[in-house]
PDB file of all heavy atoms in Angstrom:
ATOM      1  N   LEU A   1      99.041  88.803  99.191  1.00  0.00           N
ATOM      2  CA  LEU A   1      99.603  87.560  99.762  1.00  0.00           C
ATOM      3  C   LEU A   1     100.758  87.907 100.724  1.00  0.00           C
ATOM      4  O   LEU A   1     101.713  88.589 100.318  1.00  0.00           O
ATOM      5  CB  LEU A   1     100.132  86.669  98.656  1.00  0.00           C
ATOM      6  CG  LEU A   1     100.848  85.385  99.076  1.00  0.00           C
ATOM      7  CD1 LEU A   1      99.994  84.507  99.894  1.00  0.00           C
ATOM      8  CD2 LEU A   1     101.484  84.648  97.879  1.00  0.00           C
ATOM      9  N   ALA A   2     100.646  87.442 101.944  1.00  0.00           N
ATOM     10  CA  ALA A   2     101.747  87.456 102.908  1.00  0.00           C
ATOM     11  C   ALA A   2     102.117  86.005 103.154  1.00  0.00           C
ATOM     12  O   ALA A   2     101.342  85.252 103.740  1.00  0.00           O
ATOM     13  CB  ALA A   2     101.256  88.124 104.201  1.00  0.00           C
ATOM     14  N   PHE A   3     103.301  85.648 102.719  1.00  0.00           N
ATOM     15  CA  PHE A   3     103.734  84.229 102.674  1.00  0.00           C
ATOM     16  C   PHE A   3     104.998  84.094 103.540  1.00  0.00           C
ATOM     17  O   PHE A   3     106.067  84.298 103.071  1.00  0.00           O
ATOM     18  CB  PHE A   3     103.986  83.828 101.233  1.00  0.00           C
ATOM     19  CG  PHE A   3     104.299  82.369 101.062  1.00  0.00           C
ATOM     20  CD1 PHE A   3     103.279  81.436 101.127  1.00  0.00           C
ATOM     21  CD2 PHE A   3     105.578  81.914 100.819  1.00  0.00           C
ATOM     22  CE1 PHE A   3     103.544  80.108 100.940  1.00  0.00           C
ATOM     23  CE2 PHE A   3     105.878  80.570 100.606  1.00  0.00           C
ATOM     24  CZ  PHE A   3     104.854  79.651 100.713  1.00  0.00           C
ATOM     25  N   GLU A   4     104.793  83.794 104.804  1.00  0.00           N
ATOM     26  CA  GLU A   4     105.896  83.714 105.782  1.00  0.00           C
ATOM     27  C   GLU A   4     106.906  82.596 105.473  1.00  0.00           C
ATOM     28  O   GLU A   4     108.115  82.795 105.738  1.00  0.00           O
ATOM     29  CB  GLU A   4     105.333  83.500 107.170  1.00  0.00           C
ATOM     30  CG  GLU A   4     106.369  83.508 108.244  1.00  0.00           C
ATOM     31  CD  GLU A   4     105.797  83.300 109.639  1.00  0.00           C
ATOM     32  OE1 GLU A   4     105.319  84.302 110.227  1.00  0.00           O
ATOM     33  OE2 GLU A   4     105.722  82.170 110.107  1.00  0.00           O
ATOM     34  N   PRO A   5     106.510  81.418 104.906  1.00  0.00           N
ATOM     35  CA  PRO A   5     107.537  80.348 104.777  1.00  0.00           C
ATOM     36  C   PRO A   5     108.714  80.758 103.889  1.00  0.00           C
ATOM     37  O   PRO A   5     109.798  80.191 104.042  1.00  0.00           O
ATOM     38  CB  PRO A   5     106.744  79.218 104.111  1.00  0.00           C
ATOM     39  CG  PRO A   5     105.343  79.482 104.628  1.00  0.00           C
ATOM     40  CD  PRO A   5     105.188  80.940 104.683  1.00  0.00           C
ATOM     41  N   GLU A   6     108.583  81.793 103.008  1.00  0.00           N
ATOM     42  CA  GLU A   6     109.702  82.138 102.157  1.00  0.00           C
ATOM     43  C   GLU A   6     110.841  82.755 102.996  1.00  0.00           C
ATOM     44  O   GLU A   6     111.963  82.857 102.488  1.00  0.00           O
ATOM     45  CB  GLU A   6     109.263  83.116 101.023  1.00  0.00           C
ATOM     46  CG  GLU A   6     108.943  84.485 101.470  1.00  0.00           C
ATOM     47  CD  GLU A   6     108.490  85.392 100.321  1.00  0.00           C
ATOM     48  OE1 GLU A   6     108.820  85.080  99.160  1.00  0.00           O
ATOM     49  OE2 GLU A   6     107.827  86.383 100.560  1.00  0.00           O
ATOM     50  N   ARG A   7     110.583  83.242 104.235  1.00  0.00           N
ATOM     51  CA  ARG A   7     111.623  83.802 105.052  1.00  0.00           C
ATOM     52  C   ARG A   7     112.337  82.760 105.921  1.00  0.00           C
ATOM     53  O   ARG A   7     113.209  83.072 106.713  1.00  0.00           O
ATOM     54  CB  ARG A   7     111.051  84.892 105.919  1.00  0.00           C
ATOM     55  CG  ARG A   7     110.407  86.039 105.154  1.00  0.00           C
ATOM     56  CD  ARG A   7     110.226  87.241 106.057  1.00  0.00           C
ATOM     57  NE  ARG A   7     109.522  86.967 107.239  1.00  0.00           N
ATOM     58  CZ  ARG A   7     108.192  87.032 107.412  1.00  0.00           C
ATOM     59  NH1 ARG A   7     107.421  87.351 106.376  1.00  0.00           N
ATOM     60  NH2 ARG A   7     107.663  86.784 108.569  1.00  0.00           N
ATOM     61  N   LEU A   8     111.814  81.526 105.850  1.00  0.00           N
ATOM     62  CA  LEU A   8     112.311  80.481 106.789  1.00  0.00           C
ATOM     63  C   LEU A   8     113.160  79.441 106.084  1.00  0.00           C
ATOM     64  O   LEU A   8     113.187  79.418 104.856  1.00  0.00           O
ATOM     65  CB  LEU A   8     111.097  79.839 107.494  1.00  0.00           C
ATOM     66  CG  LEU A   8     110.170  80.813 108.244  1.00  0.00           C
ATOM     67  CD1 LEU A   8     108.964  80.017 108.807  1.00  0.00           C
ATOM     68  CD2 LEU A   8     110.899  81.508 109.325  1.00  0.00           C
ATOM     69  N   ASP A   9     113.789  78.587 106.823  1.00  0.00           N
ATOM     70  CA  ASP A   9     114.647  77.574 106.282  1.00  0.00           C
ATOM     71  C   ASP A   9     113.860  76.305 106.003  1.00  0.00           C
ATOM     72  O   ASP A   9     113.842  75.362 106.762  1.00  0.00           O
ATOM     73  CB  ASP A   9     115.787  77.279 107.300  1.00  0.00           C
ATOM     74  CG  ASP A   9     116.782  76.216 106.754  1.00  0.00           C
ATOM     75  OD1 ASP A   9     116.823  76.049 105.537  1.00  0.00           O
ATOM     76  OD2 ASP A   9     117.437  75.594 107.593  1.00  0.00           O
ATOM     77  N   VAL A  10     113.138  76.310 104.870  1.00  0.00           N
ATOM     78  CA  VAL A  10     112.391  75.170 104.389  1.00  0.00           C
ATOM     79  C   VAL A  10     113.233  74.452 103.348  1.00  0.00           C
ATOM     80  O   VAL A  10     113.697  75.030 102.372  1.00  0.00           O
ATOM     81  CB  VAL A  10     111.028  75.606 103.795  1.00  0.00           C
ATOM     82  CG1 VAL A  10     110.290  74.344 103.230  1.00  0.00           C
ATOM     83  CG2 VAL A  10     110.158  76.324 104.781  1.00  0.00           C
ATOM     84  N   TRP A  11     113.436  73.097 103.566  1.00  0.00           N
ATOM     85  CA  TRP A  11     114.378  72.454 102.674  1.00  0.00           C
ATOM     86  C   TRP A  11     113.641  71.337 101.916  1.00  0.00           C
ATOM     87  O   TRP A  11     112.661  70.783 102.352  1.00  0.00           O
ATOM     88  CB  TRP A  11     115.585  71.903 103.434  1.00  0.00           C
ATOM     89  CG  TRP A  11     115.266  71.180 104.681  1.00  0.00           C
ATOM     90  CD1 TRP A  11     115.197  71.713 105.962  1.00  0.00           C
ATOM     91  CD2 TRP A  11     114.939  69.754 104.847  1.00  0.00           C
ATOM     92  NE1 TRP A  11     114.862  70.717 106.888  1.00  0.00           N
ATOM     93  CE2 TRP A  11     114.705  69.562 106.189  1.00  0.00           C
ATOM     94  CE3 TRP A  11     114.853  68.727 103.920  1.00  0.00           C
ATOM     95  CZ2 TRP A  11     114.396  68.248 106.687  1.00  0.00           C
ATOM     96  CZ3 TRP A  11     114.512  67.453 104.420  1.00  0.00           C
ATOM     97  CH2 TRP A  11     114.288  67.250 105.773  1.00  0.00           C
ATOM     98  N   GLY A  12     114.230  70.995 100.730  1.00  0.00           N
ATOM     99  CA  GLY A  12     113.761  69.893  99.951  1.00  0.00           C
ATOM    100  C   GLY A  12     112.792  70.307  98.871  1.00  0.00           C
ATOM    101  O   GLY A  12     112.346  71.458  98.779  1.00  0.00           O
ATOM    102  N   ASP A  13     112.333  69.317  98.099  1.00  0.00           N
ATOM    103  CA  ASP A  13     111.375  69.478  97.047  1.00  0.00           C
ATOM    104  C   ASP A  13     110.617  68.213  96.886  1.00  0.00           C
ATOM    105  O   ASP A  13     111.022  67.162  97.417  1.00  0.00           O
ATOM    106  CB  ASP A  13     112.016  69.939  95.714  1.00  0.00           C
ATOM    107  CG  ASP A  13     112.815  68.835  95.111  1.00  0.00           C
ATOM    108  OD1 ASP A  13     114.019  68.718  95.385  1.00  0.00           O
ATOM    109  OD2 ASP A  13     112.220  68.058  94.291  1.00  0.00           O
ATOM    110  N   VAL A  14     109.467  68.276  96.233  1.00  0.00           N
ATOM    111  CA  VAL A  14     108.669  67.080  95.959  1.00  0.00           C
ATOM    112  C   VAL A  14     108.418  67.038  94.456  1.00  0.00           C
ATOM    113  O   VAL A  14     107.671  67.854  93.886  1.00  0.00           O
ATOM    114  CB  VAL A  14     107.285  67.132  96.668  1.00  0.00           C
ATOM    115  CG1 VAL A  14     106.620  65.799  96.632  1.00  0.00           C
ATOM    116  CG2 VAL A  14     107.453  67.563  98.153  1.00  0.00           C
ATOM    117  N   GLY A  15     109.168  66.195  93.750  1.00  0.00           N
ATOM    118  CA  GLY A  15     109.031  66.129  92.285  1.00  0.00           C
ATOM    119  C   GLY A  15     109.465  67.462  91.657  1.00  0.00           C
ATOM    120  O   GLY A  15     108.892  67.803  90.588  1.00  0.00           O
ATOM    121  N   GLY A  16     110.362  68.159  92.289  1.00  0.00           N
ATOM    122  CA  GLY A  16     110.790  69.455  91.776  1.00  0.00           C
ATOM    123  C   GLY A  16     109.998  70.624  92.274  1.00  0.00           C
ATOM    124  O   GLY A  16     110.379  71.783  92.064  1.00  0.00           O
ATOM    125  N   MET A  17     108.915  70.345  93.059  1.00  0.00           N
ATOM    126  CA  MET A  17     108.089  71.412  93.539  1.00  0.00           C
ATOM    127  C   MET A  17     108.544  71.799  94.938  1.00  0.00           C
ATOM    128  O   MET A  17     108.663  70.930  95.841  1.00  0.00           O
ATOM    129  CB  MET A  17     106.670  70.959  93.543  1.00  0.00           C
ATOM    130  CG  MET A  17     105.649  72.051  94.027  1.00  0.00           C
ATOM    131  SD  MET A  17     103.945  71.474  93.814  1.00  0.00           S
ATOM    132  CE  MET A  17     103.058  72.799  94.664  1.00  0.00           C
ATOM    133  N   THR A  18     108.815  73.080  95.155  1.00  0.00           N
ATOM    134  CA  THR A  18     109.269  73.592  96.447  1.00  0.00           C
ATOM    135  C   THR A  18     108.204  74.549  97.012  1.00  0.00           C
ATOM    136  O   THR A  18     107.242  74.830  96.379  1.00  0.00           O
ATOM    137  CB  THR A  18     110.605  74.371  96.272  1.00  0.00           C
ATOM    138  OG1 THR A  18     110.328  75.585  95.607  1.00  0.00           O
ATOM    139  CG2 THR A  18     111.640  73.546  95.552  1.00  0.00           C
ATOM    140  N   HIS A  19     108.520  75.087  98.218  1.00  0.00           N
ATOM    141  CA  HIS A  19     107.624  76.032  98.835  1.00  0.00           C
ATOM    142  C   HIS A  19     107.578  77.323  98.041  1.00  0.00           C
ATOM    143  O   HIS A  19     106.608  78.092  98.101  1.00  0.00           O
ATOM    144  CB  HIS A  19     108.001  76.285 100.299  1.00  0.00           C
ATOM    145  CG  HIS A  19     109.265  76.939 100.539  1.00  0.00           C
ATOM    146  ND1 HIS A  19     110.486  76.380 100.191  1.00  0.00           N
ATOM    147  CD2 HIS A  19     109.632  78.158 101.065  1.00  0.00           C
ATOM    148  CE1 HIS A  19     111.507  77.168 100.518  1.00  0.00           C
ATOM    149  NE2 HIS A  19     110.980  78.230 101.041  1.00  0.00           N
ATOM    150  N   TYR A  20     108.558  77.603  97.248  1.00  0.00           N
ATOM    151  CA  TYR A  20     108.541  78.786  96.370  1.00  0.00           C
ATOM    152  C   TYR A  20     107.494  78.605  95.222  1.00  0.00           C
ATOM    153  O   TYR A  20     106.838  79.558  94.871  1.00  0.00           O
ATOM    154  CB  TYR A  20     109.916  79.059  95.777  1.00  0.00           C
ATOM    155  CG  TYR A  20     110.930  79.543  96.800  1.00  0.00           C
ATOM    156  CD1 TYR A  20     111.984  78.752  97.239  1.00  0.00           C
ATOM    157  CD2 TYR A  20     110.747  80.804  97.427  1.00  0.00           C
ATOM    158  CE1 TYR A  20     112.881  79.177  98.194  1.00  0.00           C
ATOM    159  CE2 TYR A  20     111.632  81.255  98.378  1.00  0.00           C
ATOM    160  CZ  TYR A  20     112.712  80.420  98.791  1.00  0.00           C
ATOM    161  OH  TYR A  20     113.615  80.847  99.764  1.00  0.00           O
ATOM    162  N   HIS A  21     107.377  77.358  94.768  1.00  0.00           N
ATOM    163  CA  HIS A  21     106.306  77.141  93.760  1.00  0.00           C
ATOM    164  C   HIS A  21     104.933  77.302  94.380  1.00  0.00           C
ATOM    165  O   HIS A  21     104.008  77.813  93.794  1.00  0.00           O
ATOM    166  CB  HIS A  21     106.460  75.751  93.156  1.00  0.00           C
ATOM    167  CG  HIS A  21     107.738  75.523  92.407  1.00  0.00           C
ATOM    168  ND1 HIS A  21     108.778  74.804  92.861  1.00  0.00           N
ATOM    169  CD2 HIS A  21     108.092  76.038  91.194  1.00  0.00           C
ATOM    170  CE1 HIS A  21     109.773  74.845  91.979  1.00  0.00           C
ATOM    171  NE2 HIS A  21     109.365  75.552  90.940  1.00  0.00           N
ATOM    172  N   LEU A  22     104.831  76.836  95.658  1.00  0.00           N
ATOM    173  CA  LEU A  22     103.537  77.035  96.339  1.00  0.00           C
ATOM    174  C   LEU A  22     103.252  78.566  96.436  1.00  0.00           C
ATOM    175  O   LEU A  22     102.090  78.945  96.258  1.00  0.00           O
ATOM    176  CB  LEU A  22     103.648  76.436  97.784  1.00  0.00           C
ATOM    177  CG  LEU A  22     102.454  76.703  98.675  1.00  0.00           C
ATOM    178  CD1 LEU A  22     101.175  76.102  98.164  1.00  0.00           C
ATOM    179  CD2 LEU A  22     102.723  76.187 100.048  1.00  0.00           C
ATOM    180  N   ARG A  23     104.245  79.329  96.754  1.00  0.00           N
ATOM    181  CA  ARG A  23     104.006  80.769  96.851  1.00  0.00           C
ATOM    182  C   ARG A  23     103.484  81.321  95.502  1.00  0.00           C
ATOM    183  O   ARG A  23     102.568  82.146  95.510  1.00  0.00           O
ATOM    184  CB  ARG A  23     105.357  81.506  97.155  1.00  0.00           C
ATOM    185  CG  ARG A  23     105.259  83.014  97.226  1.00  0.00           C
ATOM    186  CD  ARG A  23     106.655  83.660  97.187  1.00  0.00           C
ATOM    187  NE  ARG A  23     107.381  83.336  95.952  1.00  0.00           N
ATOM    188  CZ  ARG A  23     108.682  83.505  95.781  1.00  0.00           C
ATOM    189  NH1 ARG A  23     109.418  83.987  96.725  1.00  0.00           N
ATOM    190  NH2 ARG A  23     109.242  83.194  94.654  1.00  0.00           N
ATOM    191  N   GLU A  24     104.007  80.879  94.397  1.00  0.00           N
ATOM    192  CA  GLU A  24     103.550  81.361  93.085  1.00  0.00           C
ATOM    193  C   GLU A  24     102.193  80.856  92.749  1.00  0.00           C
ATOM    194  O   GLU A  24     101.334  81.583  92.170  1.00  0.00           O
ATOM    195  CB  GLU A  24     104.546  80.976  91.981  1.00  0.00           C
ATOM    196  CG  GLU A  24     105.905  81.642  92.132  1.00  0.00           C
ATOM    197  CD  GLU A  24     105.770  83.143  92.329  1.00  0.00           C
ATOM    198  OE1 GLU A  24     105.226  83.764  91.411  1.00  0.00           O
ATOM    199  OE2 GLU A  24     106.196  83.686  93.316  1.00  0.00           O
ATOM    200  N   PHE A  25     101.829  79.654  93.166  1.00  0.00           N
ATOM    201  CA  PHE A  25     100.496  79.155  93.066  1.00  0.00           C
ATOM    202  C   PHE A  25      99.482  80.061  93.836  1.00  0.00           C
ATOM    203  O   PHE A  25      98.455  80.454  93.346  1.00  0.00           O
ATOM    204  CB  PHE A  25     100.392  77.724  93.611  1.00  0.00           C
ATOM    205  CG  PHE A  25      98.981  77.165  93.708  1.00  0.00           C
ATOM    206  CD1 PHE A  25      98.429  76.522  92.612  1.00  0.00           C
ATOM    207  CD2 PHE A  25      98.293  77.250  94.903  1.00  0.00           C
ATOM    208  CE1 PHE A  25      97.136  76.029  92.685  1.00  0.00           C
ATOM    209  CE2 PHE A  25      96.999  76.721  95.006  1.00  0.00           C
ATOM    210  CZ  PHE A  25      96.443  76.098  93.905  1.00  0.00           C
ATOM    211  N   LEU A  26      99.841  80.364  95.078  1.00  0.00           N
ATOM    212  CA  LEU A  26      99.005  81.162  95.944  1.00  0.00           C
ATOM    213  C   LEU A  26      98.922  82.598  95.379  1.00  0.00           C
ATOM    214  O   LEU A  26      97.852  83.258  95.461  1.00  0.00           O
ATOM    215  CB  LEU A  26      99.521  81.169  97.370  1.00  0.00           C
ATOM    216  CG  LEU A  26      99.443  79.769  98.061  1.00  0.00           C
ATOM    217  CD1 LEU A  26     100.071  79.906  99.440  1.00  0.00           C
ATOM    218  CD2 LEU A  26      98.050  79.305  98.152  1.00  0.00           C
ATOM    219  N   ARG A  27     100.019  83.147  94.849  1.00  0.00           N
ATOM    220  CA  ARG A  27      99.994  84.487  94.310  1.00  0.00           C
ATOM    221  C   ARG A  27      98.970  84.573  93.112  1.00  0.00           C
ATOM    222  O   ARG A  27      98.189  85.468  93.024  1.00  0.00           O
ATOM    223  CB  ARG A  27     101.382  84.889  93.814  1.00  0.00           C
ATOM    224  CG  ARG A  27     101.500  86.368  93.504  1.00  0.00           C
ATOM    225  CD  ARG A  27     102.814  86.733  92.826  1.00  0.00           C
ATOM    226  NE  ARG A  27     103.972  86.161  93.432  1.00  0.00           N
ATOM    227  CZ  ARG A  27     104.657  86.729  94.425  1.00  0.00           C
ATOM    228  NH1 ARG A  27     104.193  87.832  94.977  1.00  0.00           N
ATOM    229  NH2 ARG A  27     105.731  86.186  94.914  1.00  0.00           N
ATOM    230  N   GLY A  28      99.084  83.579  92.264  1.00  0.00           N
ATOM    231  CA  GLY A  28      98.151  83.516  91.128  1.00  0.00           C
ATOM    232  C   GLY A  28      96.701  83.405  91.572  1.00  0.00           C
ATOM    233  O   GLY A  28      95.825  84.087  91.056  1.00  0.00           O
ATOM    234  N   LEU A  29      96.454  82.580  92.564  1.00  0.00           N
ATOM    235  CA  LEU A  29      95.110  82.388  93.155  1.00  0.00           C
ATOM    236  C   LEU A  29      94.601  83.712  93.727  1.00  0.00           C
ATOM    237  O   LEU A  29      93.511  84.156  93.403  1.00  0.00           O
ATOM    238  CB  LEU A  29      95.129  81.322  94.234  1.00  0.00           C
ATOM    239  CG  LEU A  29      93.849  81.062  94.987  1.00  0.00           C
ATOM    240  CD1 LEU A  29      92.821  80.446  94.062  1.00  0.00           C
ATOM    241  CD2 LEU A  29      94.116  80.151  96.186  1.00  0.00           C
ATOM    242  N   CYS A  30      95.409  84.390  94.533  1.00  0.00           N
ATOM    243  CA  CYS A  30      94.984  85.631  95.175  1.00  0.00           C
ATOM    244  C   CYS A  30      94.746  86.709  94.144  1.00  0.00           C
ATOM    245  O   CYS A  30      93.726  87.402  94.226  1.00  0.00           O
ATOM    246  CB  CYS A  30      96.088  86.064  96.139  1.00  0.00           C
ATOM    247  SG  CYS A  30      96.260  85.064  97.651  1.00  0.00           S
ATOM    248  N   ASN A  31      95.644  86.852  93.199  1.00  0.00           N
ATOM    249  CA  ASN A  31      95.520  87.933  92.255  1.00  0.00           C
ATOM    250  C   ASN A  31      94.246  87.800  91.400  1.00  0.00           C
ATOM    251  O   ASN A  31      93.653  88.806  91.013  1.00  0.00           O
ATOM    252  CB  ASN A  31      96.746  87.982  91.331  1.00  0.00           C
ATOM    253  CG  ASN A  31      97.947  88.563  91.996  1.00  0.00           C
ATOM    254  OD1 ASN A  31      97.838  89.212  93.092  1.00  0.00           O
ATOM    255  ND2 ASN A  31      99.126  88.304  91.475  1.00  0.00           N
ATOM    256  N   HIS A  32      93.861  86.618  91.069  1.00  0.00           N
ATOM    257  CA  HIS A  32      92.758  86.410  90.136  1.00  0.00           C
ATOM    258  C   HIS A  32      91.425  86.093  90.837  1.00  0.00           C
ATOM    259  O   HIS A  32      90.380  86.200  90.190  1.00  0.00           O
ATOM    260  CB  HIS A  32      93.137  85.327  89.127  1.00  0.00           C
ATOM    261  CG  HIS A  32      94.217  85.814  88.218  1.00  0.00           C
ATOM    262  ND1 HIS A  32      93.937  86.418  87.024  1.00  0.00           N
ATOM    263  CD2 HIS A  32      95.605  85.774  88.327  1.00  0.00           C
ATOM    264  CE1 HIS A  32      95.063  86.795  86.456  1.00  0.00           C
ATOM    265  NE2 HIS A  32      96.110  86.409  87.224  1.00  0.00           N
ATOM    266  N   ALA A  33      91.455  85.781  92.127  1.00  0.00           N
ATOM    267  CA  ALA A  33      90.218  85.565  92.877  1.00  0.00           C
ATOM    268  C   ALA A  33      89.898  86.782  93.765  1.00  0.00           C
ATOM    269  O   ALA A  33      88.762  86.843  94.252  1.00  0.00           O
ATOM    270  CB  ALA A  33      90.290  84.288  93.698  1.00  0.00           C
ATOM    271  N   GLY A  34      90.834  87.655  93.933  1.00  0.00           N
ATOM    272  CA  GLY A  34      90.670  88.785  94.841  1.00  0.00           C
ATOM    273  C   GLY A  34      90.652  88.340  96.279  1.00  0.00           C
ATOM    274  O   GLY A  34      89.655  88.613  97.045  1.00  0.00           O
ATOM    275  N   ILE A  35      91.679  87.679  96.732  1.00  0.00           N
ATOM    276  CA  ILE A  35      91.816  87.181  98.072  1.00  0.00           C
ATOM    277  C   ILE A  35      92.938  87.863  98.833  1.00  0.00           C
ATOM    278  O   ILE A  35      94.044  88.046  98.273  1.00  0.00           O
ATOM    279  CB  ILE A  35      92.089  85.684  98.081  1.00  0.00           C
ATOM    280  CG1 ILE A  35      90.992  84.919  97.373  1.00  0.00           C
ATOM    281  CG2 ILE A  35      92.235  85.138  99.477  1.00  0.00           C
ATOM    282  CD1 ILE A  35      91.244  83.416  97.159  1.00  0.00           C
ATOM    283  N   THR A  36      92.699  88.269 100.055  1.00  0.00           N
ATOM    284  CA  THR A  36      93.754  88.643 100.944  1.00  0.00           C
ATOM    285  C   THR A  36      94.089  87.419 101.754  1.00  0.00           C
ATOM    286  O   THR A  36      93.230  86.802 102.421  1.00  0.00           O
ATOM    287  CB  THR A  36      93.313  89.755 101.931  1.00  0.00           C
ATOM    288  OG1 THR A  36      93.032  90.923 101.150  1.00  0.00           O
ATOM    289  CG2 THR A  36      94.401  90.078 102.952  1.00  0.00           C
ATOM    290  N   LEU A  37      95.359  86.997 101.687  1.00  0.00           N
ATOM    291  CA  LEU A  37      95.760  85.675 102.232  1.00  0.00           C
ATOM    292  C   LEU A  37      97.068  85.816 103.037  1.00  0.00           C
ATOM    293  O   LEU A  37      98.031  86.340 102.547  1.00  0.00           O
ATOM    294  CB  LEU A  37      95.981  84.693 101.078  1.00  0.00           C
ATOM    295  CG  LEU A  37      96.429  83.262 101.412  1.00  0.00           C
ATOM    296  CD1 LEU A  37      95.379  82.562 102.275  1.00  0.00           C
ATOM    297  CD2 LEU A  37      96.751  82.519 100.153  1.00  0.00           C
ATOM    298  N   HIS A  38      96.988  85.361 104.255  1.00  0.00           N
ATOM    299  CA  HIS A  38      98.159  85.335 105.147  1.00  0.00           C
ATOM    300  C   HIS A  38      98.507  83.833 105.466  1.00  0.00           C
ATOM    301  O   HIS A  38      97.635  83.128 105.961  1.00  0.00           O
ATOM    302  CB  HIS A  38      97.943  86.107 106.439  1.00  0.00           C
ATOM    303  CG  HIS A  38      97.867  87.581 106.210  1.00  0.00           C
ATOM    304  ND1 HIS A  38      98.909  88.416 106.552  1.00  0.00           N
ATOM    305  CD2 HIS A  38      96.924  88.339 105.675  1.00  0.00           C
ATOM    306  CE1 HIS A  38      98.594  89.655 106.267  1.00  0.00           C
ATOM    307  NE2 HIS A  38      97.427  89.689 105.700  1.00  0.00           N
ATOM    308  N   VAL A  39      99.701  83.444 105.192  1.00  0.00           N
ATOM    309  CA  VAL A  39     100.193  82.129 105.398  1.00  0.00           C
ATOM    310  C   VAL A  39     101.352  82.176 106.413  1.00  0.00           C
ATOM    311  O   VAL A  39     102.332  82.814 106.130  1.00  0.00           O
ATOM    312  CB  VAL A  39     100.687  81.409 104.092  1.00  0.00           C
ATOM    313  CG1 VAL A  39     101.215  80.029 104.377  1.00  0.00           C
ATOM    314  CG2 VAL A  39      99.544  81.417 103.099  1.00  0.00           C
ATOM    315  N   ARG A  40     101.148  81.520 107.544  1.00  0.00           N
ATOM    316  CA  ARG A  40     102.146  81.443 108.619  1.00  0.00           C
ATOM    317  C   ARG A  40     102.600  80.048 108.831  1.00  0.00           C
ATOM    318  O   ARG A  40     101.758  79.144 108.849  1.00  0.00           O
ATOM    319  CB  ARG A  40     101.606  82.052 109.905  1.00  0.00           C
ATOM    320  CG  ARG A  40     101.148  83.506 109.811  1.00  0.00           C
ATOM    321  CD  ARG A  40     100.363  83.880 111.043  1.00  0.00           C
ATOM    322  NE  ARG A  40     101.139  83.795 112.254  1.00  0.00           N
ATOM    323  CZ  ARG A  40     100.704  83.399 113.440  1.00  0.00           C
ATOM    324  NH1 ARG A  40      99.437  83.045 113.562  1.00  0.00           N
ATOM    325  NH2 ARG A  40     101.499  83.392 114.500  1.00  0.00           N
TER     326      ARG A  40
END
C-alpha cells in the first residue's frame, strides 16, 4: 500500500473516521487480498 494522503494536510473527520482510518482499512484489504495499491 502506497497511501499519499497521509503526507498531506487533510482535515476533519466523519463520525470519528479520518483518512488515517481509511489507510488502515486499505492496509487490511491489501494484506489479506494480495493487492498492490497506490492511492494518490
